[in-house]
Amino acid sequence: MKVDVSRPFGKRECPSCATSVPANHNRCPICGYAFPALTDRQQGLKIGAALLMLALLFALLWWL
């Protein structure tokens, strides 16, 4: 998959100093707050939710 580096990433707010930080950064450039990484369980739930959505989409298309 090719990544378009000119496309801007989304933003998230630092809970420590309320600075707007690019979503692909792991630390706040102002206060140094380290954003927590997803745990294995959270990652598994994220993948499971995506698979469930795909299954529902296929079921809907099959029904139509």
PDB file of N, CA and C in Angstrom:
ATOM      1  N   MET A   1       0.842  -1.171   0.000  1.00  0.00           N
ATOM      2  CA  MET A   1       0.000   0.000   0.000  1.00  0.00           C
ATOM      3  C   MET A   1       0.890   1.238   0.000  1.00  0.00           C
ATOM      4  N   LYS A   2       0.611   2.148  -0.885  1.00  0.00           N
ATOM      5  CA  LYS A   2       1.389   3.365  -0.996  1.00  0.00           C
ATOM      6  C   LYS A   2       0.812   4.435  -0.068  1.00  0.00           C
ATOM      7  N   VAL A   3       1.664   5.106   0.662  1.00  0.00           N
ATOM      8  CA  VAL A   3       1.237   6.140   1.598  1.00  0.00           C
ATOM      9  C   VAL A   3       1.453   7.508   0.961  1.00  0.00           C
ATOM     10  N   ASP A   4       0.430   8.325   0.982  1.00  0.00           N
ATOM     11  CA  ASP A   4       0.528   9.685   0.464  1.00  0.00           C
ATOM     12  C   ASP A   4       1.036  10.588   1.583  1.00  0.00           C
ATOM     13  N   VAL A   5       2.321  10.955   1.520  1.00  0.00           N
ATOM     14  CA  VAL A   5       2.916  11.743   2.602  1.00  0.00           C
ATOM     15  C   VAL A   5       2.445  13.191   2.594  1.00  0.00           C
ATOM     16  N   SER A   6       1.854  13.650   1.491  1.00  0.00           N
ATOM     17  CA  SER A   6       1.377  15.032   1.454  1.00  0.00           C
ATOM     18  C   SER A   6       0.009  15.176   2.128  1.00  0.00           C
ATOM     19  N   ARG A   7      -0.679  14.062   2.351  1.00  0.00           N
ATOM     20  CA  ARG A   7      -1.986  14.106   2.999  1.00  0.00           C
ATOM     21  C   ARG A   7      -1.819  14.279   4.505  1.00  0.00           C
ATOM     22  N   PRO A   8      -2.494  15.253   5.090  1.00  0.00           N
ATOM     23  CA  PRO A   8      -2.335  15.472   6.537  1.00  0.00           C
ATOM     24  C   PRO A   8      -3.024  14.384   7.369  1.00  0.00           C
ATOM     25  N   PHE A   9      -2.421  14.082   8.498  1.00  0.00           N
ATOM     26  CA  PHE A   9      -3.016  13.136   9.441  1.00  0.00           C
ATOM     27  C   PHE A   9      -4.051  13.863  10.285  1.00  0.00           C
ATOM     28  N   GLY A  10      -4.917  13.100  10.934  1.00  0.00           N
ATOM     29  CA  GLY A  10      -5.877  13.685  11.855  1.00  0.00           C
ATOM     30  C   GLY A  10      -5.158  14.236  13.086  1.00  0.00           C
ATOM     31  N   LYS A  11      -5.885  14.904  13.917  1.00  0.00           N
ATOM     32  CA  LYS A  11      -5.309  15.491  15.133  1.00  0.00           C
ATOM     33  C   LYS A  11      -5.968  14.875  16.356  1.00  0.00           C
ATOM     34  N   ARG A  12      -5.262  14.890  17.474  1.00  0.00           N
ATOM     35  CA  ARG A  12      -5.824  14.509  18.769  1.00  0.00           C
ATOM     36  C   ARG A  12      -5.305  15.505  19.797  1.00  0.00           C
ATOM     37  N   GLU A  13      -6.047  15.627  20.869  1.00  0.00           N
ATOM     38  CA  GLU A  13      -5.692  16.597  21.893  1.00  0.00           C
ATOM     39  C   GLU A  13      -4.899  15.933  23.007  1.00  0.00           C
ATOM     40  N   CYS A  14      -3.822  16.573  23.415  1.00  0.00           N
ATOM     41  CA  CYS A  14      -3.013  16.077  24.525  1.00  0.00           C
ATOM     42  C   CYS A  14      -3.807  16.264  25.817  1.00  0.00           C
ATOM     43  N   PRO A  15      -4.008  15.198  26.601  1.00  0.00           N
ATOM     44  CA  PRO A  15      -4.768  15.343  27.841  1.00  0.00           C
ATOM     45  C   PRO A  15      -4.021  16.115  28.925  1.00  0.00           C
ATOM     46  N   SER A  16      -2.731  16.287  28.750  1.00  0.00           N
ATOM     47  CA  SER A  16      -1.935  16.983  29.751  1.00  0.00           C
ATOM     48  C   SER A  16      -1.946  18.499  29.557  1.00  0.00           C
ATOM     49  N   CYS A  17      -1.743  18.949  28.294  1.00  0.00           N
ATOM     50  CA  CYS A  17      -1.627  20.397  28.069  1.00  0.00           C
ATOM     51  C   CYS A  17      -2.615  20.942  27.041  1.00  0.00           C
ATOM     52  N   ALA A  18      -3.475  20.087  26.479  1.00  0.00           N
ATOM     53  CA  ALA A  18      -4.527  20.462  25.522  1.00  0.00           C
ATOM     54  C   ALA A  18      -3.981  20.969  24.191  1.00  0.00           C
ATOM     55  N   THR A  19      -2.757  20.606  23.853  1.00  0.00           N
ATOM     56  CA  THR A  19      -2.186  20.961  22.563  1.00  0.00           C
ATOM     57  C   THR A  19      -2.718  20.012  21.497  1.00  0.00           C
ATOM     58  N   SER A  20      -2.949  20.516  20.293  1.00  0.00           N
ATOM     59  CA  SER A  20      -3.362  19.685  19.177  1.00  0.00           C
ATOM     60  C   SER A  20      -2.130  18.979  18.620  1.00  0.00           C
ATOM     61  N   VAL A  21      -2.152  17.649  18.625  1.00  0.00           N
ATOM     62  CA  VAL A  21      -1.010  16.832  18.231  1.00  0.00           C
ATOM     63  C   VAL A  21      -1.419  15.964  17.043  1.00  0.00           C
ATOM     64  N   PRO A  22      -0.572  15.843  15.998  1.00  0.00           N
ATOM     65  CA  PRO A  22      -0.900  14.932  14.895  1.00  0.00           C
ATOM     66  C   PRO A  22      -1.124  13.515  15.414  1.00  0.00           C
ATOM     67  N   ALA A  23      -2.100  12.818  14.849  1.00  0.00           N
ATOM     68  CA  ALA A  23      -2.494  11.495  15.340  1.00  0.00           C
ATOM     69  C   ALA A  23      -1.388  10.458  15.188  1.00  0.00           C
ATOM     70  N   ASN A  24      -0.436  10.685  14.294  1.00  0.00           N
ATOM     71  CA  ASN A  24       0.630   9.706  14.114  1.00  0.00           C
ATOM     72  C   ASN A  24       1.818   9.939  15.049  1.00  0.00           C
ATOM     73  N   HIS A  25       1.759  10.945  15.899  1.00  0.00           N
ATOM     74  CA  HIS A  25       2.826  11.192  16.880  1.00  0.00           C
ATOM     75  C   HIS A  25       2.501  10.479  18.187  1.00  0.00           C
ATOM     76  N   ASN A  26       3.514   9.901  18.812  1.00  0.00           N
ATOM     77  CA  ASN A  26       3.320   9.175  20.064  1.00  0.00           C
ATOM     78  C   ASN A  26       3.575  10.032  21.297  1.00  0.00           C
ATOM     79  N   ARG A  27       4.170  11.198  21.115  1.00  0.00           N
ATOM     80  CA  ARG A  27       4.466  12.105  22.227  1.00  0.00           C
ATOM     81  C   ARG A  27       4.033  13.516  21.868  1.00  0.00           C
ATOM     82  N   CYS A  28       3.610  14.244  22.890  1.00  0.00           N
ATOM     83  CA  CYS A  28       3.259  15.650  22.721  1.00  0.00           C
ATOM     84  C   CYS A  28       4.559  16.445  22.573  1.00  0.00           C
ATOM     85  N   PRO A  29       4.667  17.309  21.541  1.00  0.00           N
ATOM     86  CA  PRO A  29       5.904  18.083  21.364  1.00  0.00           C
ATOM     87  C   PRO A  29       6.084  19.184  22.409  1.00  0.00           C
ATOM     88  N   ILE A  30       5.014  19.550  23.115  1.00  0.00           N
ATOM     89  CA  ILE A  30       5.101  20.631  24.097  1.00  0.00           C
ATOM     90  C   ILE A  30       5.465  20.103  25.486  1.00  0.00           C
ATOM     91  N   CYS A  31       4.674  19.169  26.000  1.00  0.00           N
ATOM     92  CA  CYS A  31       4.887  18.717  27.382  1.00  0.00           C
ATOM     93  C   CYS A  31       5.543  17.336  27.478  1.00  0.00           C
ATOM     94  N   GLY A  32       5.630  16.614  26.359  1.00  0.00           N
ATOM     95  CA  GLY A  32       6.275  15.310  26.374  1.00  0.00           C
ATOM     96  C   GLY A  32       5.373  14.162  26.804  1.00  0.00           C
ATOM     97  N   TYR A  33       4.060  14.395  26.933  1.00  0.00           N
ATOM     98  CA  TYR A  33       3.132  13.342  27.322  1.00  0.00           C
ATOM     99  C   TYR A  33       3.209  12.196  26.316  1.00  0.00           C
ATOM    100  N   ALA A  34       3.349  10.964  26.795  1.00  0.00           N
ATOM    101  CA  ALA A  34       3.403   9.785  25.932  1.00  0.00           C
ATOM    102  C   ALA A  34       2.007   9.187  25.819  1.00  0.00           C
ATOM    103  N   PHE A  35       1.469   9.172  24.600  1.00  0.00           N
ATOM    104  CA  PHE A  35       0.154   8.582  24.373  1.00  0.00           C
ATOM    105  C   PHE A  35       0.263   7.070  24.531  1.00  0.00           C
ATOM    106  N   PRO A  36      -0.665   6.440  25.260  1.00  0.00           N
ATOM    107  CA  PRO A  36      -0.580   4.991  25.469  1.00  0.00           C
ATOM    108  C   PRO A  36      -0.872   4.230  24.175  1.00  0.00           C
ATOM    109  N   ALA A  37      -0.170   3.127  24.001  1.00  0.00           N
ATOM    110  CA  ALA A  37      -0.400   2.265  22.839  1.00  0.00           C
ATOM    111  C   ALA A  37      -1.601   1.368  23.116  1.00  0.00           C
ATOM    112  N   LEU A  38      -2.193   0.824  22.057  1.00  0.00           N
ATOM    113  CA  LEU A  38      -3.309  -0.097  22.229  1.00  0.00           C
ATOM    114  C   LEU A  38      -2.810  -1.391  22.861  1.00  0.00           C
ATOM    115  N   THR A  39      -3.568  -1.919  23.797  1.00  0.00           N
ATOM    116  CA  THR A  39      -3.219  -3.203  24.386  1.00  0.00           C
ATOM    117  C   THR A  39      -3.600  -4.307  23.400  1.00  0.00           C
ATOM    118  N   ASP A  40      -3.139  -5.516  23.649  1.00  0.00           N
ATOM    119  CA  ASP A  40      -3.468  -6.640  22.776  1.00  0.00           C
ATOM    120  C   ASP A  40      -4.977  -6.863  22.726  1.00  0.00           C
ATOM    121  N   ARG A  41      -5.635  -6.690  23.865  1.00  0.00           N
ATOM    122  CA  ARG A  41      -7.090  -6.889  23.915  1.00  0.00           C
ATOM    123  C   ARG A  41      -7.807  -5.829  23.084  1.00  0.00           C
ATOM    124  N   GLN A  42      -7.369  -4.580  23.196  1.00  0.00           N
ATOM    125  CA  GLN A  42      -7.995  -3.509  22.426  1.00  0.00           C
ATOM    126  C   GLN A  42      -7.780  -3.738  20.927  1.00  0.00           C
ATOM    127  N   GLN A  43      -6.581  -4.170  20.560  1.00  0.00           N
ATOM    128  CA  GLN A  43      -6.288  -4.439  19.154  1.00  0.00           C
ATOM    129  C   GLN A  43      -7.164  -5.583  18.647  1.00  0.00           C
ATOM    130  N   GLY A  44      -7.334  -6.622  19.464  1.00  0.00           N
ATOM    131  CA  GLY A  44      -8.185  -7.747  19.086  1.00  0.00           C
ATOM    132  C   GLY A  44      -9.634  -7.335  18.924  1.00  0.00           C
ATOM    133  N   LEU A  45     -10.124  -6.480  19.821  1.00  0.00           N
ATOM    134  CA  LEU A  45     -11.498  -5.986  19.712  1.00  0.00           C
ATOM    135  C   LEU A  45     -11.692  -5.144  18.455  1.00  0.00           C
ATOM    136  N   LYS A  46     -10.692  -4.376  18.110  1.00  0.00           N
ATOM    137  CA  LYS A  46     -10.759  -3.545  16.913  1.00  0.00           C
ATOM    138  C   LYS A  46     -10.848  -4.428  15.660  1.00  0.00           C
ATOM    139  N   ILE A  47     -10.039  -5.476  15.603  1.00  0.00           N
ATOM    140  CA  ILE A  47     -10.061  -6.398  14.467  1.00  0.00           C
ATOM    141  C   ILE A  47     -11.379  -7.169  14.445  1.00  0.00           C
ATOM    142  N   GLY A  48     -11.850  -7.605  15.610  1.00  0.00           N
ATOM    143  CA  GLY A  48     -13.113  -8.324  15.694  1.00  0.00           C
ATOM    144  C   GLY A  48     -14.285  -7.484  15.224  1.00  0.00           C
ATOM    145  N   ALA A  49     -14.295  -6.225  15.584  1.00  0.00           N
ATOM    146  CA  ALA A  49     -15.368  -5.329  15.157  1.00  0.00           C
ATOM    147  C   ALA A  49     -15.347  -5.147  13.642  1.00  0.00           C
ATOM    148  N   ALA A  50     -14.167  -5.037  13.061  1.00  0.00           N
ATOM    149  CA  ALA A  50     -14.059  -4.898  11.605  1.00  0.00           C
ATOM    150  C   ALA A  50     -14.559  -6.164  10.908  1.00  0.00           C
ATOM    151  N   LEU A  51     -14.206  -7.331  11.435  1.00  0.00           N
ATOM    152  CA  LEU A  51     -14.667  -8.589  10.842  1.00  0.00           C
ATOM    153  C   LEU A  51     -16.185  -8.740  10.967  1.00  0.00           C
ATOM    154  N   LEU A  52     -16.742  -8.329  12.087  1.00  0.00           N
ATOM    155  CA  LEU A  52     -18.183  -8.377  12.275  1.00  0.00           C
ATOM    156  C   LEU A  52     -18.893  -7.472  11.272  1.00  0.00           C
ATOM    157  N   MET A  53     -18.358  -6.290  11.052  1.00  0.00           N
ATOM    158  CA  MET A  53     -18.954  -5.372  10.081  1.00  0.00           C
ATOM    159  C   MET A  53     -18.912  -5.963   8.677  1.00  0.00           C
ATOM    160  N   LEU A  54     -17.798  -6.609   8.318  1.00  0.00           N
ATOM    161  CA  LEU A  54     -17.705  -7.254   7.012  1.00  0.00           C
ATOM    162  C   LEU A  54     -18.721  -8.382   6.882  1.00  0.00           C
ATOM    163  N   ALA A  55     -18.878  -9.182   7.929  1.00  0.00           N
ATOM    164  CA  ALA A  55     -19.844 -10.281   7.902  1.00  0.00           C
ATOM    165  C   ALA A  55     -21.262  -9.743   7.737  1.00  0.00           C
ATOM    166  N   LEU A  56     -21.585  -8.675   8.435  1.00  0.00           N
ATOM    167  CA  LEU A  56     -22.918  -8.070   8.303  1.00  0.00           C
ATOM    168  C   LEU A  56     -23.143  -7.506   6.908  1.00  0.00           C
ATOM    169  N   LEU A  57     -22.111  -6.911   6.330  1.00  0.00           N
ATOM    170  CA  LEU A  57     -22.209  -6.371   4.973  1.00  0.00           C
ATOM    171  C   LEU A  57     -22.457  -7.492   3.970  1.00  0.00           C
ATOM    172  N   PHE A  58     -21.704  -8.589   4.089  1.00  0.00           N
ATOM    173  CA  PHE A  58     -21.897  -9.720   3.179  1.00  0.00           C
ATOM    174  C   PHE A  58     -23.286 -10.321   3.347  1.00  0.00           C
ATOM    175  N   ALA A  59     -23.767 -10.438   4.578  1.00  0.00           N
ATOM    176  CA  ALA A  59     -25.103 -10.979   4.830  1.00  0.00           C
ATOM    177  C   ALA A  59     -26.165 -10.081   4.198  1.00  0.00           C
ATOM    178  N   LEU A  60     -25.989  -8.777   4.320  1.00  0.00           N
ATOM    179  CA  LEU A  60     -26.938  -7.838   3.739  1.00  0.00           C
ATOM    180  C   LEU A  60     -26.936  -7.946   2.222  1.00  0.00           C
ATOM    181  N   LEU A  61     -25.756  -8.024   1.623  1.00  0.00           N
ATOM    182  CA  LEU A  61     -25.668  -8.140   0.172  1.00  0.00           C
ATOM    183  C   LEU A  61     -26.241  -9.463  -0.310  1.00  0.00           C
ATOM    184  N   TRP A  62     -26.045 -10.526   0.448  1.00  0.00           N
ATOM    185  CA  TRP A  62     -26.580 -11.842   0.074  1.00  0.00           C
ATOM    186  C   TRP A  62     -28.115 -11.818   0.128  1.00  0.00           C
ATOM    187  N   TRP A  63     -28.643 -11.128   1.126  1.00  0.00           N
ATOM    188  CA  TRP A  63     -30.083 -11.054   1.316  1.00  0.00           C
ATOM    189  C   TRP A  63     -30.751 -10.248   0.196  1.00  0.00           C
ATOM    190  N   LEU A  64     -30.074  -9.216  -0.282  1.00  0.00           N
ATOM    191  CA  LEU A  64     -30.652  -8.386  -1.347  1.00  0.00           C
ATOM    192  C   LEU A  64     -30.500  -9.130  -2.633  1.00  0.00           C
TER     193      LEU A  64
END
